[in-house]
């Protein structure tokens, strides 16, 4: 039998989809890369209500287009909302049941009875990190490696602690073993990912630096990159220790959410705008040609025009390389959903568009600052004589080449800035 996996959401979900694919392939199932298969697995995201709607819409489409398939739904949406019906799905699994995907599918094929297996997370610390590893990543030239799961922060707008449980971490021995396998498979760059990556090791008496040092120690791995980070734990000592690793890429996606300290307090974010700015300054001091990217939310409940302007000014002062801007959307089950002073969608979207326009200019300024630099690039896609790839600070570069050199590390001089990428020439 063959299967297809569709993933919604973050890089952690992508990793977990690859893990399920590995389990299935190791047990004789054939993977397809188009949504027409005997088994269709949907790995859901539930960060926003909009995300839930996309999952439900995709489920209905898959059931309509593949009426005889075994439809499996798993991921954060089922874990956070276990009492929903999910009528289109034949098999419904929670986040802590994905390793039983083969058993669940096999039972369904025998009985043709709907299976629902959603195990609750352990509310207090003590839940183990789910053992999983991949040997390759079918859809990427760099490999994502999950090293942390769960979050203890309970930001007022966020459902994820309910979907993911508390912080738990992969052991350094398991991490090194997995990375050695990926290096042997030919990967030169790996990305460490987690739900709250900054909290790696809290449950084991370690911290993020230990995981980075472990990754950088693996032969044949030439680059180590960090996925999205929370500001917590990023003090001067941690930054100094990270900067001692030459393989670590100088690009940090440091989640901000708002540049107004009063809004951050209502969000239950445990830092001020001033705290955040100091971390950015420390990173730029420690890492040459460092790129700082972030997320900014507009229209949080009670956000005044003055707070919106504070957030705009803060983003401008910080000079982000790229910003993901989005308007706040209400999430049932969260504290923020019950707050008074909910803003109407028109105002939220207006402020979001203002933030996007301003941060787009910041992106152009950052790209312009890269002109004239010579950077290493891992050559990736090769189309019509043009390669694309990324510099250490995750700037996309396109450059001409007479031959296909995909997978090779090359030096490229950056000669022109475009809206979303740099034009380069091979040295």
Protein backbone atom coordinates (compact mmCIF):
# COMPACT_ATOMS: atom_id res chain seq x y z
CA UNK A 1 0.00 0.00 0.00
CA UNK A 2 1.10 3.59 -0.53
CA UNK A 3 0.71 6.69 1.59
CA UNK A 4 0.85 10.48 1.37
CA UNK A 5 1.55 12.92 4.22
CA UNK A 6 0.39 16.54 4.24
CA UNK A 7 1.88 18.74 6.96
CA UNK A 8 0.45 21.95 8.39
CA UNK A 9 2.40 24.25 10.67
CA UNK A 10 5.92 24.46 11.99
CA UNK A 11 9.26 22.76 11.40
CA UNK A 12 8.62 20.46 14.36
CA UNK A 13 5.57 19.14 12.52
CA UNK A 14 7.66 18.65 9.38
CA UNK A 15 10.16 16.59 11.37
CA UNK A 16 7.42 14.50 12.95
CA UNK A 17 5.90 13.84 9.52
CA UNK A 18 9.26 12.58 8.30
CA UNK A 19 9.44 10.33 11.36
CA UNK A 20 6.03 8.80 10.55
CA UNK A 21 7.10 8.39 6.92
CA UNK A 22 10.23 6.56 8.07
CA UNK A 23 8.13 4.18 10.21
CA UNK A 24 5.80 3.43 7.31
CA UNK A 25 8.58 2.92 4.76
CA UNK A 26 10.47 0.64 7.14
CA UNK A 27 7.33 -1.50 7.32
CA UNK A 28 6.84 -1.90 3.59
CA UNK A 29 4.60 1.04 2.72
CA UNK A 30 5.45 3.11 -0.37
CA UNK A 31 5.57 6.89 -0.09
CA UNK A 32 3.88 9.08 -2.68
CA UNK A 33 4.37 12.82 -3.09
CA UNK A 34 0.96 13.64 -4.49
CA UNK A 35 -2.39 13.55 -2.63
CA UNK A 36 -3.70 10.41 -4.33
CA UNK A 37 -2.89 7.39 -2.18
CA UNK A 38 -4.29 4.41 -0.27
CA UNK A 39 -3.47 6.13 3.02
CA UNK A 40 -3.54 9.91 3.53
CA UNK A 41 -2.07 11.31 6.75
CA UNK A 42 -2.80 14.90 7.77
CA UNK A 43 -0.47 16.33 10.42
CA UNK A 44 -2.41 19.28 11.84
CA UNK A 45 -1.52 22.66 13.33
CA UNK A 46 -3.72 24.53 15.80
CA UNK A 47 -1.83 27.77 16.48
CA UNK A 48 -4.80 29.79 15.18
CA UNK A 49 -8.48 29.21 14.50
CA UNK A 50 -7.68 30.01 10.88
CA UNK A 51 -5.22 27.12 10.90
CA UNK A 52 -7.93 24.80 12.21
CA UNK A 53 -10.25 25.88 9.41
CA UNK A 54 -7.55 25.09 6.83
CA UNK A 55 -7.12 21.59 8.27
CA UNK A 56 -10.88 20.90 8.21
CA UNK A 57 -11.14 22.21 4.65
CA UNK A 58 -8.25 20.01 3.52
CA UNK A 59 -9.77 16.97 5.26
CA UNK A 60 -13.06 17.45 3.44
CA UNK A 61 -11.23 17.83 0.13
CA UNK A 62 -9.17 14.67 0.66
CA UNK A 63 -12.27 12.67 1.59
CA UNK A 64 -14.07 13.97 -1.51
CA UNK A 65 -11.14 13.26 -3.86
CA UNK A 66 -10.10 9.96 -2.24
CA UNK A 67 -13.35 8.38 -0.98
CA UNK A 68 -11.83 4.92 -0.44
CA UNK A 69 -8.59 5.97 1.27
CA UNK A 70 -7.73 5.49 4.93
CA UNK A 71 -7.73 9.07 6.22
CA UNK A 72 -5.54 9.64 9.29
CA UNK A 73 -5.64 12.88 11.28
CA UNK A 74 -2.96 13.62 13.87
CA UNK A 75 -1.04 16.56 15.33
CA UNK A 76 -1.69 19.52 17.58
CA UNK A 77 -5.34 20.11 16.68
CA UNK A 78 -6.49 16.67 17.82
CA UNK A 79 -4.38 16.86 20.98
CA UNK A 80 -5.67 20.31 21.98
CA UNK A 81 -9.31 19.52 21.15
CA UNK A 82 -9.76 15.77 21.73
CA UNK A 83 -13.55 15.99 22.08
CA UNK A 84 -14.20 17.24 18.55
CA UNK A 85 -15.70 14.74 16.14
CA UNK A 86 -13.37 15.00 13.08
CA UNK A 87 -16.03 13.12 11.11
CA UNK A 88 -14.02 12.70 7.88
CA UNK A 89 -11.12 10.87 9.57
CA UNK A 90 -10.96 7.07 9.90
CA UNK A 91 -8.05 7.23 12.37
CA UNK A 92 -7.56 10.08 14.84
CA UNK A 93 -4.27 10.18 16.76
CA UNK A 94 -2.95 12.65 19.32
CA UNK A 95 0.59 13.99 19.46
CA UNK A 96 1.66 11.26 21.84
CA UNK A 97 0.20 8.45 19.68
CA UNK A 98 1.92 9.10 16.36
CA UNK A 99 4.43 6.29 16.96
CA UNK A 100 1.44 3.90 16.88
CA UNK A 101 0.41 5.05 13.39
CA UNK A 102 1.18 1.67 11.77
CA UNK A 103 -0.69 -0.30 14.43
CA UNK A 104 -3.69 2.03 14.16
CA UNK A 105 -3.82 1.80 10.37
CA UNK A 106 -3.44 -1.99 10.47
CA UNK A 107 -6.28 -2.34 12.99
CA UNK A 108 -8.52 -0.13 10.88
CA UNK A 109 -7.80 -2.16 7.74
CA UNK A 110 -8.86 -5.33 9.58
CA UNK A 111 -11.91 -4.05 11.45
CA UNK A 112 -12.97 -0.99 9.40
CA UNK A 113 -13.97 0.54 12.72
CA UNK A 114 -13.01 4.13 13.46
CA UNK A 115 -10.01 4.48 15.78
CA UNK A 116 -9.47 7.41 18.15
CA UNK A 117 -6.28 7.34 20.24
CA UNK A 118 -5.49 10.63 21.98
CA UNK A 119 -3.41 10.13 25.11
CA UNK A 120 -3.40 13.11 27.52
CA UNK A 121 -0.13 14.82 28.32
CA UNK A 122 1.25 14.52 31.82
CA UNK A 123 0.34 17.85 33.38
CA UNK A 124 3.32 18.01 35.68
CA UNK A 125 6.95 17.57 34.69
CA UNK A 126 7.98 13.98 34.20
CA UNK A 127 6.68 13.18 30.71
CA UNK A 128 9.48 11.67 28.63
CA UNK A 129 10.76 13.02 25.33
CA UNK A 130 9.28 10.84 22.60
CA UNK A 131 12.09 8.75 21.07
CA UNK A 132 12.26 9.45 17.34
CA UNK A 133 14.92 9.92 14.69
CA UNK A 134 15.11 10.36 10.93
CA UNK A 135 17.84 9.27 8.54
CA UNK A 136 16.92 11.63 5.75
CA UNK A 137 14.55 14.48 4.98
CA UNK A 138 12.86 13.84 1.65
CA UNK A 139 11.73 17.39 1.01
CA UNK A 140 14.70 19.52 2.08
CA UNK A 141 18.38 19.93 1.32
CA UNK A 142 18.97 20.71 5.00
CA UNK A 143 17.75 18.38 7.72
CA UNK A 144 15.49 19.45 10.57
CA UNK A 145 16.18 17.70 13.87
CA UNK A 146 13.72 17.96 16.74
CA UNK A 147 15.49 18.28 20.09
CA UNK A 148 12.77 19.74 22.35
CA UNK A 149 9.03 19.48 22.83
CA UNK A 150 6.49 21.29 24.99
CA UNK A 151 6.25 24.72 26.60
CA UNK A 152 5.77 25.93 30.18
CA UNK A 153 5.09 29.61 29.44
CA UNK A 154 1.30 29.80 28.81
CA UNK A 155 1.24 33.05 26.87
CA UNK A 156 -2.28 34.41 27.10
CA UNK A 157 -3.01 34.01 23.35
CA UNK A 158 -1.49 30.53 22.89
CA UNK A 159 -3.05 27.05 22.92
CA UNK A 160 0.23 25.20 22.30
CA UNK A 161 1.06 24.18 25.92
CA UNK A 162 -2.24 22.26 25.90
CA UNK A 163 -1.34 20.60 22.59
CA UNK A 164 2.30 19.88 23.39
CA UNK A 165 2.59 19.43 27.14
CA UNK A 166 5.55 20.52 29.26
CA UNK A 167 9.19 21.02 28.28
CA UNK A 168 11.14 17.83 27.59
CA UNK A 169 14.37 17.30 25.67
CA UNK A 170 16.27 14.81 23.53
CA UNK A 171 19.37 13.36 25.17
CA UNK A 172 22.75 14.40 23.82
CA UNK A 173 23.61 10.76 23.06
CA UNK A 174 20.47 10.34 20.93
CA UNK A 175 21.09 13.68 19.25
CA UNK A 176 24.66 12.83 18.29
CA UNK A 177 23.68 9.41 16.97
CA UNK A 178 20.96 10.92 14.79
CA UNK A 179 23.22 13.67 13.47
CA UNK A 180 25.97 11.19 12.60
CA UNK A 181 23.44 9.27 10.50
CA UNK A 182 22.34 12.45 8.70
CA UNK A 183 25.96 13.41 8.06
CA UNK A 184 26.61 10.00 6.51
CA UNK A 185 23.52 10.53 4.33
CA UNK A 186 25.20 13.65 2.91
CA UNK A 187 23.58 16.52 4.79
CA UNK A 188 25.90 19.47 5.34
CA UNK A 189 23.45 21.65 7.24
CA UNK A 190 21.10 20.77 10.07
CA UNK A 191 18.48 22.90 11.82
CA UNK A 192 17.75 22.26 15.48
CA UNK A 193 14.01 22.68 16.10
CA UNK A 194 11.68 22.63 19.09
CA UNK A 195 8.39 24.01 20.37
CA UNK A 196 10.28 26.26 22.82
CA UNK A 197 13.85 25.69 21.65
CA UNK A 198 15.36 28.14 24.13
CA UNK A 199 14.24 25.83 26.97
CA UNK A 200 16.16 22.82 25.69
CA UNK A 201 17.69 20.86 28.56
CA UNK A 202 15.73 22.43 31.43
CA UNK A 203 14.48 18.96 32.35
CA UNK A 204 17.99 17.45 32.29
CA UNK A 205 20.19 20.11 33.87
CA UNK A 206 21.44 21.27 30.46
CA UNK A 207 20.79 24.23 28.17
CA UNK A 208 20.68 25.05 24.48
CA UNK A 209 24.44 25.51 24.31
CA UNK A 210 24.97 21.83 25.11
CA UNK A 211 22.87 20.77 22.10
CA UNK A 212 24.62 23.25 19.80
CA UNK A 213 28.07 22.08 20.92
CA UNK A 214 27.03 18.47 20.39
CA UNK A 215 25.79 19.23 16.86
CA UNK A 216 28.88 21.22 15.94
CA UNK A 217 31.13 18.36 17.05
CA UNK A 218 29.82 16.03 14.33
CA UNK A 219 32.20 15.58 11.39
CA UNK A 220 30.85 16.39 7.91
CA UNK A 221 28.19 18.71 9.35
CA UNK A 222 29.34 22.12 8.13
CA UNK A 223 26.49 24.31 9.38
CA UNK A 224 24.26 24.26 12.44
CA UNK A 225 21.23 26.52 12.44
CA UNK A 226 18.67 27.28 15.14
CA UNK A 227 14.96 27.46 14.47
CA UNK A 228 12.65 29.94 16.18
CA UNK A 229 13.80 31.05 19.64
CA UNK A 230 12.09 32.66 22.59
CA UNK A 231 14.04 35.47 24.34
CA UNK A 232 14.07 33.59 27.66
CA UNK A 233 17.45 32.21 28.62
CA UNK A 234 19.34 34.19 25.98
CA UNK A 235 21.62 35.98 28.44
CA UNK A 236 25.17 37.19 27.83
CA UNK A 237 26.77 33.96 29.07
CA UNK A 238 24.65 31.81 26.74
CA UNK A 239 25.29 34.08 23.76
CA UNK A 240 29.04 34.09 24.43
CA UNK A 241 29.09 30.30 24.60
CA UNK A 242 27.08 29.98 21.38
CA UNK A 243 29.38 32.42 19.59
CA UNK A 244 32.36 30.14 20.37
CA UNK A 245 30.99 27.61 17.86
CA UNK A 246 32.14 28.59 14.33
CA UNK A 247 29.67 26.20 12.67
CA UNK A 248 26.67 27.97 14.25
CA UNK A 249 24.98 30.22 11.69
CA UNK A 250 24.58 33.92 12.60
CA UNK A 251 20.84 34.04 12.03
CA UNK A 252 18.38 34.14 14.92
CA UNK A 253 14.61 34.11 14.61
CA UNK A 254 13.86 35.67 17.99
CA UNK A 255 10.11 35.84 18.64
CA UNK A 256 9.00 39.35 19.68
CA UNK A 257 5.19 39.48 19.26
CA UNK A 258 5.00 43.18 20.21
CA UNK A 259 7.38 46.08 20.63
CA UNK A 260 5.19 47.56 23.37
CA UNK A 261 6.08 46.44 26.90
CA UNK A 262 2.52 46.98 28.13
CA UNK A 263 1.16 44.68 25.41
CA UNK A 264 3.85 42.10 26.19
CA UNK A 265 2.70 42.10 29.82
CA UNK A 266 -0.92 41.42 28.78
CA UNK A 267 0.36 38.65 26.54
CA UNK A 268 2.08 37.09 29.58
CA UNK A 269 5.44 37.34 27.81
CA UNK A 270 8.16 37.36 30.45
CA UNK A 271 10.34 40.17 29.11
CA UNK A 272 10.06 43.84 28.20
CA UNK A 273 10.88 45.50 24.90
CA UNK A 274 14.07 46.82 26.54
CA UNK A 275 15.08 43.27 27.60
CA UNK A 276 14.56 42.07 24.05
CA UNK A 277 16.58 44.92 22.55
CA UNK A 278 19.55 44.12 24.80
CA UNK A 279 19.53 40.49 23.59
CA UNK A 280 19.57 41.72 19.99
CA UNK A 281 22.51 44.02 20.72
CA UNK A 282 24.39 41.20 22.45
CA UNK A 283 23.84 38.88 19.49
CA UNK A 284 25.06 41.47 17.02
CA UNK A 285 28.11 42.12 19.16
CA UNK A 286 28.94 38.40 19.32
CA UNK A 287 28.16 37.34 15.71
CA UNK A 288 29.56 39.00 12.60
CA UNK A 289 26.96 39.97 9.95
CA UNK A 290 24.18 38.69 12.18
CA UNK A 291 20.59 38.60 10.87
CA UNK A 292 17.74 38.99 13.36
CA UNK A 293 14.28 37.94 12.18
CA UNK A 294 11.06 37.86 14.18
CA UNK A 295 7.27 37.60 14.46
CA UNK A 296 5.07 40.60 15.27
CA UNK A 297 1.37 40.45 16.12
CA UNK A 298 -0.94 43.42 15.69
CA UNK A 299 -4.33 44.09 17.23
CA UNK A 300 -3.96 42.19 20.49
CA UNK A 301 -6.94 42.82 22.82
CA UNK A 302 -6.81 46.33 24.23
CA UNK A 303 -3.95 47.46 21.93
CA UNK A 304 -4.15 51.25 21.70
CA UNK A 305 -2.98 53.38 18.82
CA UNK A 306 -0.07 54.50 21.02
CA UNK A 307 0.95 50.89 21.72
CA UNK A 308 0.78 50.10 18.02
CA UNK A 309 3.04 53.07 17.29
CA UNK A 310 5.43 51.90 20.04
CA UNK A 311 5.62 48.51 18.36
CA UNK A 312 6.24 50.10 14.95
CA UNK A 313 9.00 52.33 16.33
CA UNK A 314 10.60 49.43 18.17
CA UNK A 315 10.74 47.31 15.01
CA UNK A 316 12.26 50.22 13.12
CA UNK A 317 14.87 50.82 15.85
CA UNK A 318 15.80 47.13 15.98
CA UNK A 319 16.28 46.87 12.22
CA UNK A 320 15.05 43.35 11.59
CA UNK A 321 16.22 41.49 8.51
CA UNK A 322 12.78 39.95 8.01
CA UNK A 323 9.51 40.07 9.93
CA UNK A 324 6.49 37.79 9.86
CA UNK A 325 3.57 40.12 10.61
CA UNK A 326 0.10 38.84 11.43
CA UNK A 327 -3.10 40.12 12.99
CA UNK A 328 -4.25 38.64 16.29
CA UNK A 329 -7.00 36.06 15.91
CA UNK A 330 -9.07 34.82 18.81
CA UNK A 331 -8.28 31.31 20.00
CA UNK A 332 -10.92 29.48 22.05
CA UNK A 333 -9.41 27.96 25.17
CA UNK A 334 -6.96 30.80 25.80
CA UNK A 335 -6.99 33.65 28.32
CA UNK A 336 -6.84 36.30 25.58
CA UNK A 337 -10.03 35.00 23.99
CA UNK A 338 -11.92 36.06 27.14
CA UNK A 339 -10.29 39.49 27.42
CA UNK A 340 -12.35 42.63 27.03
CA UNK A 341 -11.56 45.30 24.42
CA UNK A 342 -11.32 42.91 21.47
CA UNK A 343 -10.45 44.92 18.36
CA UNK A 344 -12.48 44.58 15.17
CA UNK A 345 -10.87 42.75 12.27
CA UNK A 346 -10.70 45.84 10.11
CA UNK A 347 -8.52 47.70 12.60
CA UNK A 348 -6.35 44.66 13.29
CA UNK A 349 -5.72 44.15 9.58
CA UNK A 350 -5.08 47.87 9.00
CA UNK A 351 -2.37 47.85 11.66
CA UNK A 352 -0.96 44.63 10.28
CA UNK A 353 -0.69 46.16 6.80
CA UNK A 354 1.08 49.20 8.27
CA UNK A 355 3.55 46.95 10.03
CA UNK A 356 4.15 44.91 6.87
CA UNK A 357 4.82 48.03 4.79
CA UNK A 358 7.33 49.35 7.32
CA UNK A 359 9.14 46.04 7.89
CA UNK A 360 9.34 45.41 4.14
CA UNK A 361 11.49 48.54 3.98
CA UNK A 362 13.67 47.11 6.77
CA UNK A 363 14.13 43.94 4.72
CA UNK A 364 15.23 45.97 1.72
CA UNK A 365 17.73 47.86 3.87
CA UNK A 366 19.14 44.62 5.22
CA UNK A 367 19.53 43.10 1.76
CA UNK A 368 21.20 46.26 0.52
CA UNK A 369 23.71 45.97 3.40
CA UNK A 370 24.81 42.60 1.99
CA UNK A 371 25.92 44.00 -1.38
CA UNK A 372 29.64 43.56 -1.93
CA UNK A 373 30.10 40.77 0.63
CA UNK A 374 31.51 37.38 -0.29
CA UNK A 375 29.63 34.58 1.47
CA UNK A 376 29.59 30.80 1.50
CA UNK A 377 26.45 29.27 -0.03
CA UNK A 378 25.29 25.67 -0.12
CA UNK A 379 24.08 25.28 -3.70
CA UNK A 380 20.52 23.97 -3.75
CA UNK A 381 18.03 24.19 -6.61
CA UNK A 382 19.43 24.34 -10.17
CA UNK A 383 17.00 25.62 -12.79
CA UNK A 384 17.93 26.87 -16.29
CA UNK A 385 21.56 27.44 -15.36
CA UNK A 386 20.77 29.31 -12.13
CA UNK A 387 21.48 27.97 -8.65
CA UNK A 388 19.84 29.15 -5.44
CA UNK A 389 21.01 28.69 -1.88
CA UNK A 390 21.45 30.42 1.45
CA UNK A 391 24.28 32.27 3.14
CA UNK A 392 25.07 31.54 6.81
CA UNK A 393 22.71 34.35 7.89
CA UNK A 394 19.93 32.78 5.77
CA UNK A 395 19.94 35.30 2.93
CA UNK A 396 18.66 33.70 -0.27
CA UNK A 397 21.15 34.01 -3.15
CA UNK A 398 20.70 33.22 -6.83
CA UNK A 399 23.74 32.83 -9.08
CA UNK A 400 24.60 31.43 -12.50
CA UNK A 401 26.64 28.27 -12.97
CA UNK A 402 27.61 26.27 -16.06
CA UNK A 403 27.19 22.99 -14.20
CA UNK A 404 24.93 21.51 -11.55
CA UNK A 405 26.82 21.80 -8.25
CA UNK A 406 23.91 21.03 -5.92
CA UNK A 407 25.09 20.12 -2.45
CA UNK A 408 28.45 21.81 -2.76
CA UNK A 409 29.62 24.67 -0.57
CA UNK A 410 30.82 27.54 -2.75
CA UNK A 411 31.89 31.17 -2.33
CA UNK A 412 29.60 33.72 -3.91
CA UNK A 413 30.01 37.48 -4.18
CA UNK A 414 26.75 39.33 -3.57
CA UNK A 415 26.38 41.95 -6.29
CA UNK A 416 22.75 43.14 -6.30
CA UNK A 417 19.78 43.25 -3.92
CA UNK A 418 16.32 42.32 -5.17
CA UNK A 419 13.05 42.39 -3.22
CA UNK A 420 13.45 38.96 -1.61
CA UNK A 421 16.91 37.70 -2.58
CA UNK A 422 20.45 38.62 -3.50
CA UNK A 423 21.94 38.24 -6.94
CA UNK A 424 25.44 36.79 -6.78
CA UNK A 425 28.36 35.65 -8.89
CA UNK A 426 30.36 32.51 -8.32
CA UNK A 427 33.88 33.24 -7.14
